[in-house]
Amino acid sequence: MTRREFLNARNAYLIAKAALDTAKEDEQRAEREFMARKGYEGEYIWTVDLDETAFDALLEDYERECAAELAAVTAAEKLYNTTAARLADIAASVAPLPAAELAEFKHSVHTNAATREKVIEIALKLDARTIPAKM
């Protein structure tokens, strides 16, 4: 792992996170517009008080009309998850731990979402100049 790989992973993560945030905002806007077109006062489908059959029909209409926005969110989530995992892996490998503890830490990063998020949070604050150019 090199400093350049870390920087590339961090930049890819930040771009993917921004793309996901934008896709979610677009999808929420589309949902609000859909609700207004259908004459409902709530902003979100799940806030509408309908029987199960009517709710399912409304949801199907929404999924059909807003398919592009929903697909964009799904694609952005996949990219975000991939880049987050890559950044967490690289950041975990930089941790100054003995080999046995490092292996356990890396396993925790893969299996524990809270640990992964904390590692990513720290990686975003890390001054990349503290990472050796080549390891």
Foldseek 3Di string as FASTA:
>chain_A
DFLVLLVVLLVLLVVLVVQLVVLVVVLLVLQQVLCVVVPHDDSHLVVDDDPPVVSVVSVVVSCVVCVVSVVSNVVSVVSNVVSLLSNLQVLLVQDPDPPVVSVVLSVCCVVPVVSSVVSSVVSNVDDSVVTHRHD
